[in-house]
Amino acid sequence: MRKPRKLPGEVIAEEYVLEYGADRLEMHVGAVQPGERALIVDDLIATGGTLCAAIKLLERAGAEVVECACVIELPELKGRGKLDGKALYILVESR
């Protein structure tokens, strides 16, 4: 998965809202097959927009997102609450 216009070939996309606007994630068509299990790894969860978009994109392609993992969480922005109960592993929590 990448930001817009970074991947060659045919892609599917999911748009999401940020605190300061909107953005989009793209993934190659056929990158995952229906029924495959996926783990999403990102550097940061703040508002949850990027992770939610990644989850939606993978599920739309037929994958089962089993867990998310981030290096840092900014809990005051309540992004975890937007993940609809998906498991989330955090390495470092901001205080």
PDB file of N, CA and C in Angstrom:
ATOM      1  N   MET A   1       0.829  -1.160   0.000  1.00  0.00           N
ATOM      2  CA  MET A   1       0.000   0.000   0.000  1.00  0.00           C
ATOM      3  C   MET A   1       0.880   1.231   0.000  1.00  0.00           C
ATOM      4  N   ARG A   2       0.434   2.202  -0.775  1.00  0.00           N
ATOM      5  CA  ARG A   2       1.210   3.443  -0.881  1.00  0.00           C
ATOM      6  C   ARG A   2       0.276   4.625  -1.036  1.00  0.00           C
ATOM      7  N   LYS A   3       0.844   5.793  -0.921  1.00  0.00           N
ATOM      8  CA  LYS A   3       0.122   7.028  -1.201  1.00  0.00           C
ATOM      9  C   LYS A   3      -0.146   7.094  -2.706  1.00  0.00           C
ATOM     10  N   PRO A   4      -1.019   7.982  -3.153  1.00  0.00           N
ATOM     11  CA  PRO A   4      -1.405   8.032  -4.572  1.00  0.00           C
ATOM     12  C   PRO A   4      -0.237   8.210  -5.538  1.00  0.00           C
ATOM     13  N   ARG A   5      -0.362   7.540  -6.675  1.00  0.00           N
ATOM     14  CA  ARG A   5       0.552   7.662  -7.817  1.00  0.00           C
ATOM     15  C   ARG A   5       1.977   7.191  -7.541  1.00  0.00           C
ATOM     16  N   LYS A   6       2.154   6.312  -6.562  1.00  0.00           N
ATOM     17  CA  LYS A   6       3.485   5.763  -6.265  1.00  0.00           C
ATOM     18  C   LYS A   6       3.659   4.355  -6.830  1.00  0.00           C
ATOM     19  N   LEU A   7       2.543   3.660  -7.101  1.00  0.00           N
ATOM     20  CA  LEU A   7       2.602   2.281  -7.575  1.00  0.00           C
ATOM     21  C   LEU A   7       2.376   2.212  -9.083  1.00  0.00           C
ATOM     22  N   PRO A   8       3.151   1.414  -9.788  1.00  0.00           N
ATOM     23  CA  PRO A   8       2.902   1.225 -11.213  1.00  0.00           C
ATOM     24  C   PRO A   8       1.756   0.231 -11.423  1.00  0.00           C
ATOM     25  N   GLY A   9       1.157   0.260 -12.580  1.00  0.00           N
ATOM     26  CA  GLY A   9       0.129  -0.719 -12.917  1.00  0.00           C
ATOM     27  C   GLY A   9      -1.231  -0.374 -12.352  1.00  0.00           C
ATOM     28  N   GLU A  10      -2.130  -1.347 -12.435  1.00  0.00           N
ATOM     29  CA  GLU A  10      -3.509  -1.149 -12.008  1.00  0.00           C
ATOM     30  C   GLU A  10      -3.627  -1.219 -10.490  1.00  0.00           C
ATOM     31  N   VAL A  11      -4.336  -0.256  -9.910  1.00  0.00           N
ATOM     32  CA  VAL A  11      -4.496  -0.189  -8.463  1.00  0.00           C
ATOM     33  C   VAL A  11      -5.963  -0.025  -8.090  1.00  0.00           C
ATOM     34  N   ILE A  12      -6.275  -0.373  -6.838  1.00  0.00           N
ATOM     35  CA  ILE A  12      -7.549  -0.002  -6.237  1.00  0.00           C
ATOM     36  C   ILE A  12      -7.215   0.993  -5.138  1.00  0.00           C
ATOM     37  N   ALA A  13      -8.170   1.851  -4.788  1.00  0.00           N
ATOM     38  CA  ALA A  13      -7.872   2.939  -3.860  1.00  0.00           C
ATOM     39  C   ALA A  13      -8.968   3.095  -2.813  1.00  0.00           C
ATOM     40  N   GLU A  14      -8.584   3.717  -1.713  1.00  0.00           N
ATOM     41  CA  GLU A  14      -9.520   4.057  -0.635  1.00  0.00           C
ATOM     42  C   GLU A  14      -9.157   5.455  -0.146  1.00  0.00           C
ATOM     43  N   GLU A  15     -10.132   6.346  -0.186  1.00  0.00           N
ATOM     44  CA  GLU A  15      -9.911   7.707   0.300  1.00  0.00           C
ATOM     45  C   GLU A  15     -10.262   7.783   1.779  1.00  0.00           C
ATOM     46  N   TYR A  16      -9.598   8.692   2.494  1.00  0.00           N
ATOM     47  CA  TYR A  16      -9.866   8.869   3.911  1.00  0.00           C
ATOM     48  C   TYR A  16      -9.643  10.319   4.306  1.00  0.00           C
ATOM     49  N   VAL A  17     -10.243  10.710   5.418  1.00  0.00           N
ATOM     50  CA  VAL A  17     -10.182  12.084   5.899  1.00  0.00           C
ATOM     51  C   VAL A  17      -9.104  12.206   6.959  1.00  0.00           C
ATOM     52  N   LEU A  18      -8.339  13.273   6.853  1.00  0.00           N
ATOM     53  CA  LEU A  18      -7.308  13.610   7.830  1.00  0.00           C
ATOM     54  C   LEU A  18      -7.765  14.817   8.640  1.00  0.00           C
ATOM     55  N   GLU A  19      -7.032  15.150   9.676  1.00  0.00           N
ATOM     56  CA  GLU A  19      -7.355  16.357  10.456  1.00  0.00           C
ATOM     57  C   GLU A  19      -7.327  17.599   9.565  1.00  0.00           C
ATOM     58  N   TYR A  20      -6.474  17.590   8.568  1.00  0.00           N
ATOM     59  CA  TYR A  20      -6.214  18.774   7.762  1.00  0.00           C
ATOM     60  C   TYR A  20      -6.613  18.611   6.292  1.00  0.00           C
ATOM     61  N   GLY A  21      -7.456  17.634   5.965  1.00  0.00           N
ATOM     62  CA  GLY A  21      -7.872  17.443   4.577  1.00  0.00           C
ATOM     63  C   GLY A  21      -8.231  16.002   4.300  1.00  0.00           C
ATOM     64  N   ALA A  22      -7.882  15.550   3.106  1.00  0.00           N
ATOM     65  CA  ALA A  22      -8.171  14.174   2.708  1.00  0.00           C
ATOM     66  C   ALA A  22      -6.948  13.596   2.006  1.00  0.00           C
ATOM     67  N   ASP A  23      -6.889  12.265   1.963  1.00  0.00           N
ATOM     68  CA  ASP A  23      -5.800  11.581   1.279  1.00  0.00           C
ATOM     69  C   ASP A  23      -6.335  10.270   0.735  1.00  0.00           C
ATOM     70  N   ARG A  24      -5.464   9.475   0.185  1.00  0.00           N
ATOM     71  CA  ARG A  24      -5.873   8.232  -0.446  1.00  0.00           C
ATOM     72  C   ARG A  24      -4.750   7.203  -0.339  1.00  0.00           C
ATOM     73  N   LEU A  25      -5.122   5.941  -0.137  1.00  0.00           N
ATOM     74  CA  LEU A  25      -4.176   4.827  -0.191  1.00  0.00           C
ATOM     75  C   LEU A  25      -4.466   4.018  -1.436  1.00  0.00           C
ATOM     76  N   GLU A  26      -3.427   3.480  -2.036  1.00  0.00           N
ATOM     77  CA  GLU A  26      -3.588   2.623  -3.210  1.00  0.00           C
ATOM     78  C   GLU A  26      -2.869   1.300  -2.983  1.00  0.00           C
ATOM     79  N   MET A  27      -3.389   0.261  -3.635  1.00  0.00           N
ATOM     80  CA  MET A  27      -2.815  -1.079  -3.532  1.00  0.00           C
ATOM     81  C   MET A  27      -2.933  -1.731  -4.905  1.00  0.00           C
ATOM     82  N   HIS A  28      -1.933  -2.512  -5.281  1.00  0.00           N
ATOM     83  CA  HIS A  28      -2.005  -3.231  -6.552  1.00  0.00           C
ATOM     84  C   HIS A  28      -3.216  -4.162  -6.595  1.00  0.00           C
ATOM     85  N   VAL A  29      -3.874  -4.194  -7.735  1.00  0.00           N
ATOM     86  CA  VAL A  29      -4.931  -5.178  -7.957  1.00  0.00           C
ATOM     87  C   VAL A  29      -4.280  -6.558  -7.895  1.00  0.00           C
ATOM     88  N   GLY A  30      -4.843  -7.459  -7.123  1.00  0.00           N
ATOM     89  CA  GLY A  30      -4.286  -8.807  -7.010  1.00  0.00           C
ATOM     90  C   GLY A  30      -3.190  -8.942  -5.971  1.00  0.00           C
ATOM     91  N   ALA A  31      -2.910  -7.880  -5.201  1.00  0.00           N
ATOM     92  CA  ALA A  31      -1.861  -7.957  -4.174  1.00  0.00           C
ATOM     93  C   ALA A  31      -2.221  -8.954  -3.083  1.00  0.00           C
ATOM     94  N   VAL A  32      -3.506  -9.083  -2.805  1.00  0.00           N
ATOM     95  CA  VAL A  32      -3.990 -10.083  -1.859  1.00  0.00           C
ATOM     96  C   VAL A  32      -5.113 -10.864  -2.525  1.00  0.00           C
ATOM     97  N   GLN A  33      -5.277 -12.088  -2.092  1.00  0.00           N
ATOM     98  CA  GLN A  33      -6.325 -12.946  -2.631  1.00  0.00           C
ATOM     99  C   GLN A  33      -7.436 -13.089  -1.594  1.00  0.00           C
ATOM    100  N   PRO A  34      -8.672 -13.281  -2.059  1.00  0.00           N
ATOM    101  CA  PRO A  34      -9.767 -13.492  -1.110  1.00  0.00           C
ATOM    102  C   PRO A  34      -9.433 -14.628  -0.139  1.00  0.00           C
ATOM    103  N   GLY A  35      -9.708 -14.379   1.137  1.00  0.00           N
ATOM    104  CA  GLY A  35      -9.451 -15.381   2.170  1.00  0.00           C
ATOM    105  C   GLY A  35      -8.085 -15.284   2.824  1.00  0.00           C
ATOM    106  N   GLU A  36      -7.160 -14.526   2.228  1.00  0.00           N
ATOM    107  CA  GLU A  36      -5.842 -14.379   2.857  1.00  0.00           C
ATOM    108  C   GLU A  36      -5.961 -13.551   4.132  1.00  0.00           C
ATOM    109  N   ARG A  37      -5.060 -13.820   5.075  1.00  0.00           N
ATOM    110  CA  ARG A  37      -5.021 -13.079   6.334  1.00  0.00           C
ATOM    111  C   ARG A  37      -3.951 -12.001   6.224  1.00  0.00           C
ATOM    112  N   ALA A  38      -4.237 -10.827   6.807  1.00  0.00           N
ATOM    113  CA  ALA A  38      -3.314  -9.701   6.668  1.00  0.00           C
ATOM    114  C   ALA A  38      -3.032  -9.050   8.017  1.00  0.00           C
ATOM    115  N   LEU A  39      -1.821  -8.572   8.166  1.00  0.00           N
ATOM    116  CA  LEU A  39      -1.385  -7.767   9.297  1.00  0.00           C
ATOM    117  C   LEU A  39      -0.999  -6.410   8.727  1.00  0.00           C
ATOM    118  N   ILE A  40      -1.533  -5.343   9.282  1.00  0.00           N
ATOM    119  CA  ILE A  40      -1.188  -3.994   8.831  1.00  0.00           C
ATOM    120  C   ILE A  40      -0.177  -3.421   9.811  1.00  0.00           C
ATOM    121  N   VAL A  41       0.954  -2.941   9.293  1.00  0.00           N
ATOM    122  CA  VAL A  41       1.996  -2.344  10.115  1.00  0.00           C
ATOM    123  C   VAL A  41       2.203  -0.907   9.637  1.00  0.00           C
ATOM    124  N   ASP A  42       2.154   0.033  10.580  1.00  0.00           N
ATOM    125  CA  ASP A  42       2.351   1.446  10.251  1.00  0.00           C
ATOM    126  C   ASP A  42       3.231   2.067  11.329  1.00  0.00           C
ATOM    127  N   ASP A  43       3.761   3.229  11.049  1.00  0.00           N
ATOM    128  CA  ASP A  43       4.635   3.868  12.030  1.00  0.00           C
ATOM    129  C   ASP A  43       3.854   4.522  13.160  1.00  0.00           C
ATOM    130  N   LEU A  44       2.670   5.070  12.865  1.00  0.00           N
ATOM    131  CA  LEU A  44       1.970   5.886  13.837  1.00  0.00           C
ATOM    132  C   LEU A  44       0.472   5.727  13.702  1.00  0.00           C
ATOM    133  N   ILE A  45      -0.245   5.673  14.820  1.00  0.00           N
ATOM    134  CA  ILE A  45      -1.687   5.822  14.799  1.00  0.00           C
ATOM    135  C   ILE A  45      -2.020   7.078  15.596  1.00  0.00           C
ATOM    136  N   ALA A  46      -2.676   8.007  14.915  1.00  0.00           N
ATOM    137  CA  ALA A  46      -3.119   9.238  15.556  1.00  0.00           C
ATOM    138  C   ALA A  46      -4.652   9.251  15.528  1.00  0.00           C
ATOM    139  N   THR A  47      -5.226   9.746  14.447  1.00  0.00           N
ATOM    140  CA  THR A  47      -6.688   9.792  14.338  1.00  0.00           C
ATOM    141  C   THR A  47      -7.277   8.485  13.836  1.00  0.00           C
ATOM    142  N   GLY A  48      -6.435   7.600  13.311  1.00  0.00           N
ATOM    143  CA  GLY A  48      -6.903   6.305  12.816  1.00  0.00           C
ATOM    144  C   GLY A  48      -7.292   6.286  11.355  1.00  0.00           C
ATOM    145  N   GLY A  49      -7.221   7.414  10.675  1.00  0.00           N
ATOM    146  CA  GLY A  49      -7.646   7.498   9.278  1.00  0.00           C
ATOM    147  C   GLY A  49      -6.897   6.568   8.338  1.00  0.00           C
ATOM    148  N   THR A  50      -5.593   6.552   8.443  1.00  0.00           N
ATOM    149  CA  THR A  50      -4.789   5.709   7.548  1.00  0.00           C
ATOM    150  C   THR A  50      -5.049   4.229   7.802  1.00  0.00           C
ATOM    151  N   LEU A  51      -5.074   3.821   9.074  1.00  0.00           N
ATOM    152  CA  LEU A  51      -5.325   2.412   9.376  1.00  0.00           C
ATOM    153  C   LEU A  51      -6.719   1.983   8.935  1.00  0.00           C
ATOM    154  N   CYS A  52      -7.715   2.837   9.158  1.00  0.00           N
ATOM    155  CA  CYS A  52      -9.082   2.495   8.725  1.00  0.00           C
ATOM    156  C   CYS A  52      -9.154   2.334   7.219  1.00  0.00           C
ATOM    157  N   ALA A  53      -8.482   3.212   6.488  1.00  0.00           N
ATOM    158  CA  ALA A  53      -8.466   3.109   5.027  1.00  0.00           C
ATOM    159  C   ALA A  53      -7.777   1.825   4.585  1.00  0.00           C
ATOM    160  N   ALA A  54      -6.675   1.465   5.243  1.00  0.00           N
ATOM    161  CA  ALA A  54      -5.959   0.231   4.912  1.00  0.00           C
ATOM    162  C   ALA A  54      -6.836  -0.990   5.170  1.00  0.00           C
ATOM    163  N   ILE A  55      -7.540  -0.986   6.308  1.00  0.00           N
ATOM    164  CA  ILE A  55      -8.441  -2.094   6.636  1.00  0.00           C
ATOM    165  C   ILE A  55      -9.531  -2.227   5.571  1.00  0.00           C
ATOM    166  N   LYS A  56     -10.155  -1.108   5.228  1.00  0.00           N
ATOM    167  CA  LYS A  56     -11.230  -1.128   4.227  1.00  0.00           C
ATOM    168  C   LYS A  56     -10.729  -1.628   2.874  1.00  0.00           C
ATOM    169  N   LEU A  57      -9.548  -1.179   2.483  1.00  0.00           N
ATOM    170  CA  LEU A  57      -8.979  -1.577   1.197  1.00  0.00           C
ATOM    171  C   LEU A  57      -8.702  -3.078   1.157  1.00  0.00           C
ATOM    172  N   LEU A  58      -8.085  -3.608   2.200  1.00  0.00           N
ATOM    173  CA  LEU A  58      -7.791  -5.037   2.252  1.00  0.00           C
ATOM    174  C   LEU A  58      -9.067  -5.876   2.314  1.00  0.00           C
ATOM    175  N   GLU A  59     -10.027  -5.448   3.116  1.00  0.00           N
ATOM    176  CA  GLU A  59     -11.288  -6.199   3.216  1.00  0.00           C
ATOM    177  C   GLU A  59     -12.071  -6.145   1.912  1.00  0.00           C
ATOM    178  N   ARG A  60     -12.012  -5.012   1.228  1.00  0.00           N
ATOM    179  CA  ARG A  60     -12.669  -4.914  -0.079  1.00  0.00           C
ATOM    180  C   ARG A  60     -12.058  -5.887  -1.085  1.00  0.00           C
ATOM    181  N   ALA A  61     -10.763  -6.152  -0.925  1.00  0.00           N
ATOM    182  CA  ALA A  61     -10.072  -7.107  -1.807  1.00  0.00           C
ATOM    183  C   ALA A  61     -10.299  -8.549  -1.354  1.00  0.00           C
ATOM    184  N   GLY A  62     -10.998  -8.739  -0.227  1.00  0.00           N
ATOM    185  CA  GLY A  62     -11.323 -10.086   0.231  1.00  0.00           C
ATOM    186  C   GLY A  62     -10.428 -10.643   1.311  1.00  0.00           C
ATOM    187  N   ALA A  63      -9.467  -9.849   1.777  1.00  0.00           N
ATOM    188  CA  ALA A  63      -8.564 -10.318   2.829  1.00  0.00           C
ATOM    189  C   ALA A  63      -9.212 -10.158   4.199  1.00  0.00           C
ATOM    190  N   GLU A  64      -8.723 -10.929   5.159  1.00  0.00           N
ATOM    191  CA  GLU A  64      -9.159 -10.823   6.552  1.00  0.00           C
ATOM    192  C   GLU A  64      -8.046 -10.126   7.328  1.00  0.00           C
ATOM    193  N   VAL A  65      -8.303  -8.924   7.805  1.00  0.00           N
ATOM    194  CA  VAL A  65      -7.315  -8.196   8.609  1.00  0.00           C
ATOM    195  C   VAL A  65      -7.398  -8.741  10.033  1.00  0.00           C
ATOM    196  N   VAL A  66      -6.323  -9.373  10.484  1.00  0.00           N
ATOM    197  CA  VAL A  66      -6.342 -10.021  11.797  1.00  0.00           C
ATOM    198  C   VAL A  66      -5.768  -9.145  12.907  1.00  0.00           C
ATOM    199  N   GLU A  67      -4.908  -8.196  12.553  1.00  0.00           N
ATOM    200  CA  GLU A  67      -4.312  -7.333  13.563  1.00  0.00           C
ATOM    201  C   GLU A  67      -3.646  -6.149  12.891  1.00  0.00           C
ATOM    202  N   CYS A  68      -3.507  -5.082  13.665  1.00  0.00           N
ATOM    203  CA  CYS A  68      -2.747  -3.911  13.240  1.00  0.00           C
ATOM    204  C   CYS A  68      -1.632  -3.700  14.250  1.00  0.00           C
ATOM    205  N   ALA A  69      -0.525  -3.150  13.792  1.00  0.00           N
ATOM    206  CA  ALA A  69       0.605  -2.865  14.672  1.00  0.00           C
ATOM    207  C   ALA A  69       1.200  -1.522  14.285  1.00  0.00           C
ATOM    208  N   CYS A  70       1.496  -0.709  15.294  1.00  0.00           N
ATOM    209  CA  CYS A  70       2.111   0.594  15.059  1.00  0.00           C
ATOM    210  C   CYS A  70       3.250   0.782  16.052  1.00  0.00           C
ATOM    211  N   VAL A  71       4.223   1.574  15.646  1.00  0.00           N
ATOM    212  CA  VAL A  71       5.337   1.861  16.540  1.00  0.00           C
ATOM    213  C   VAL A  71       4.874   2.802  17.647  1.00  0.00           C
ATOM    214  N   ILE A  72       4.134   3.852  17.278  1.00  0.00           N
ATOM    215  CA  ILE A  72       3.728   4.881  18.238  1.00  0.00           C
ATOM    216  C   ILE A  72       2.226   5.112  18.164  1.00  0.00           C
ATOM    217  N   GLU A  73       1.604   5.314  19.334  1.00  0.00           N
ATOM    218  CA  GLU A  73       0.199   5.704  19.397  1.00  0.00           C
ATOM    219  C   GLU A  73       0.101   7.063  20.091  1.00  0.00           C
ATOM    220  N   LEU A  74      -0.734   7.940  19.526  1.00  0.00           N
ATOM    221  CA  LEU A  74      -1.078   9.195  20.173  1.00  0.00           C
ATOM    222  C   LEU A  74      -2.498   9.036  20.711  1.00  0.00           C
ATOM    223  N   PRO A  75      -2.650   8.486  21.925  1.00  0.00           N
ATOM    224  CA  PRO A  75      -3.963   8.099  22.432  1.00  0.00           C
ATOM    225  C   PRO A  75      -4.951   9.254  22.576  1.00  0.00           C
ATOM    226  N   GLU A  76      -4.450  10.468  22.779  1.00  0.00           N
ATOM    227  CA  GLU A  76      -5.352  11.602  22.934  1.00  0.00           C
ATOM    228  C   GLU A  76      -6.161  11.907  21.670  1.00  0.00           C
ATOM    229  N   LEU A  77      -5.733  11.370  20.530  1.00  0.00           N
ATOM    230  CA  LEU A  77      -6.463  11.583  19.273  1.00  0.00           C
ATOM    231  C   LEU A  77      -7.482  10.477  18.994  1.00  0.00           C
ATOM    232  N   LYS A  78      -7.530   9.471  19.844  1.00  0.00           N
ATOM    233  CA  LYS A  78      -8.568   8.439  19.856  1.00  0.00           C
ATOM    234  C   LYS A  78      -8.712   7.639  18.555  1.00  0.00           C
ATOM    235  N   GLY A  79      -7.610   7.422  17.858  1.00  0.00           N
ATOM    236  CA  GLY A  79      -7.646   6.640  16.624  1.00  0.00           C
ATOM    237  C   GLY A  79      -8.001   5.185  16.838  1.00  0.00           C
ATOM    238  N   ARG A  80      -7.601   4.629  17.951  1.00  0.00           N
ATOM    239  CA  ARG A  80      -7.884   3.219  18.270  1.00  0.00           C
ATOM    240  C   ARG A  80      -9.386   2.937  18.231  1.00  0.00           C
ATOM    241  N   GLY A  81     -10.175   3.883  18.684  1.00  0.00           N
ATOM    242  CA  GLY A  81     -11.619   3.715  18.731  1.00  0.00           C
ATOM    243  C   GLY A  81     -12.280   3.598  17.369  1.00  0.00           C
ATOM    244  N   LYS A  82     -11.583   3.992  16.332  1.00  0.00           N
ATOM    245  CA  LYS A  82     -12.137   3.924  14.974  1.00  0.00           C
ATOM    246  C   LYS A  82     -11.858   2.596  14.278  1.00  0.00           C
ATOM    247  N   LEU A  83     -11.157   1.694  14.936  1.00  0.00           N
ATOM    248  CA  LEU A  83     -10.745   0.442  14.296  1.00  0.00           C
ATOM    249  C   LEU A  83     -11.778  -0.677  14.430  1.00  0.00           C
ATOM    250  N   ASP A  84     -12.949  -0.379  14.932  1.00  0.00           N
ATOM    251  CA  ASP A  84     -14.043  -1.352  15.055  1.00  0.00           C
ATOM    252  C   ASP A  84     -13.610  -2.652  15.737  1.00  0.00           C
ATOM    253  N   GLY A  85     -12.821  -2.516  16.801  1.00  0.00           N
ATOM    254  CA  GLY A  85     -12.445  -3.687  17.576  1.00  0.00           C
ATOM    255  C   GLY A  85     -11.292  -4.506  17.024  1.00  0.00           C
ATOM    256  N   LYS A  86     -10.680  -4.084  15.927  1.00  0.00           N
ATOM    257  CA  LYS A  86      -9.510  -4.810  15.410  1.00  0.00           C
ATOM    258  C   LYS A  86      -8.398  -4.759  16.449  1.00  0.00           C
ATOM    259  N   ALA A  87      -7.690  -5.853  16.603  1.00  0.00           N
ATOM    260  CA  ALA A  87      -6.560  -5.895  17.530  1.00  0.00           C
ATOM    261  C   ALA A  87      -5.493  -4.907  17.083  1.00  0.00           C
ATOM    262  N   LEU A  88      -4.924  -4.181  18.048  1.00  0.00           N
ATOM    263  CA  LEU A  88      -3.906  -3.184  17.759  1.00  0.00           C
ATOM    264  C   LEU A  88      -2.752  -3.356  18.741  1.00  0.00           C
ATOM    265  N   TYR A  89      -1.547  -3.593  18.228  1.00  0.00           N
ATOM    266  CA  TYR A  89      -0.345  -3.726  19.046  1.00  0.00           C
ATOM    267  C   TYR A  89       0.457  -2.433  18.905  1.00  0.00           C
ATOM    268  N   ILE A  90       0.860  -1.866  20.024  1.00  0.00           N
ATOM    269  CA  ILE A  90       1.637  -0.625  20.041  1.00  0.00           C
ATOM    270  C   ILE A  90       2.971  -0.874  20.728  1.00  0.00           C
ATOM    271  N   LEU A  91       4.047  -0.411  20.108  1.00  0.00           N
ATOM    272  CA  LEU A  91       5.382  -0.539  20.708  1.00  0.00           C
ATOM    273  C   LEU A  91       5.641   0.572  21.726  1.00  0.00           C
ATOM    274  N   VAL A  92       5.277   1.820  21.372  1.00  0.00           N
ATOM    275  CA  VAL A  92       5.532   2.970  22.250  1.00  0.00           C
ATOM    276  C   VAL A  92       4.271   3.827  22.298  1.00  0.00           C
ATOM    277  N   GLU A  93       3.821   4.169  23.518  1.00  0.00           N
ATOM    278  CA  GLU A  93       2.668   5.043  23.665  1.00  0.00           C
ATOM    279  C   GLU A  93       3.152   6.434  24.095  1.00  0.00           C
ATOM    280  N   SER A  94       2.701   7.460  23.383  1.00  0.00           N
ATOM    281  CA  SER A  94       3.035   8.819  23.737  1.00  0.00           C
ATOM    282  C   SER A  94       2.308   9.210  25.026  1.00  0.00           C
ATOM    283  N   ARG A  95       2.973   9.937  25.902  1.00  0.00           N
ATOM    284  CA  ARG A  95       2.328  10.358  27.169  1.00  0.00           C
ATOM    285  C   ARG A  95       2.366  11.839  27.314  1.00  0.00           C
TER     286      ARG A  95
END
